[in-house]
Amino acid sequence: MGPVVRSEMEASDSAVKTNRCSDTPGLEEEEPSIERSIANGYMPPMPWFGMDIGGSLVKLVYFEPTDFTKIEEDCELETLKNIRRYLTSNKAYGNTGHRDAHLQMDNVQVGDRTGSLHFIRFPTSEMGNFLELAKSKGMATLASTVCATGGGAYKFEEDFRREVNMQLHKFDELDSLIRGIHYIEDNNPHELYYWSNPKDERLCERIPYDFSDPYPFLVVNVGSGVGMLAVYGPNNYKRVTGTSLGGGTFLGLCSLLTGCETFEDAIALAAKGDTVASSFGQMISKEKRAKASREDLAKATLVTITNNIGSIARLCAVNEGIERVVFVGNFLRVNTISMKMLAYAMEFWSKGALKALFLEHEGYFGAVGCLLELMRPGS
């Protein structure tokens, strides 16, 4: 894996390009516009990444160009080729890094290039191993700046500088999130969906949602904590509220109560459990405590956290006069239990006035927005 990259071209790379490309008459006219853009300072050199370093999970988006000219292929550094092959030919990186191949987006345009977006994640606790991997793949020889968003962009700033001689260039988390949502939705016609009949397992189904006229909408970003933003236009939004009780709280409590190690384990336990009524209220009974299984405790924890998120989201939507609530974030990954609960709660408590919407790419929007920031002149 490799981080978000933005920097000056390596001197040797420039020399190779100059020597290989200047000997052919008329070559300047054949070069793609991206070359001229880089020369004029508008485009960063490859590779292009976007990185969102959250409290529990790091999300990495890698842009793989597919519109190479023969000249570009000949001039490309071997290090860049190795990085591209490594990232795109694997679905797992060590024991904890994963590429979500089912989310891959092909034939998309970023800056002046056409290519594929790859979506990679690993636990924030594995940042040390990630930096070692980045060093072994030669990232430090390609760039001096890493572009990132999220709280970890500040926490790990010194680690990047010390371990791989890279400076973190930090982008605003909320700007990156909103920009990423707009970009992915524009490029994926089936990005948004909702759950119909969420309480009936027989009739429940996932239905695509037309988001062509989106404003206004409420974004509920559920990661380790929860942030809520009211969005009135592409560049018109405000933070409404938030809560520290999110996915990190769920996993932390589940680990204490059940001994589970990962988010996936916690969700798997919850899927097999029965709800302990009244948000653990029954646990005051010694008899009930004796009967509660690990699965029951995981389910109760999930229901308690999800209900709290849904309640706050509904109040915010009502106060802002917004009818569409868009839930994003990695808390919803492999977590259909919470999605269906939120869908039912929004509809039931608002008497049908509110609709809960979900997105395919869940927690990757901040990383996508960070990648797009690289394309801005002078960013």
Foldseek 3Di string as FASTA:
>chain_A
DAFAFFADFFPVLVVLLCVLQVVDPPSVVVDDVVVVCVVVQQFGDDWGKFWEQEPWKIKIKTWDFDPDDPSCVVSDDPLRVVVVCVVVVDQADPPFKGKPVVPKDAQDDAQRTGGIMIMMMGTSVCVVVVLVVNVVSPVLSGHAEGEYEYPVLVVCQVVCCVRRVHGYDYDYQVLLQLVLVVRVCVRDVQFKWAWDPLVDPVPIDIGGDGCVPPPWEWEWAAECWTWIKTRGDSPDIDTDDIGNLGLVVLVVQLCVQQVDDDLVVLLVLLVPEDEDPPLCPVVVDPVVVVPHDSSRSSVSSLVVSLVVSLVVQLVSCVVVVHAEYEYAYPNCPVHSVSRSVSQCSSCVVVVHRHGYMYGPVGHNSSRSSSSSVSSGRPD
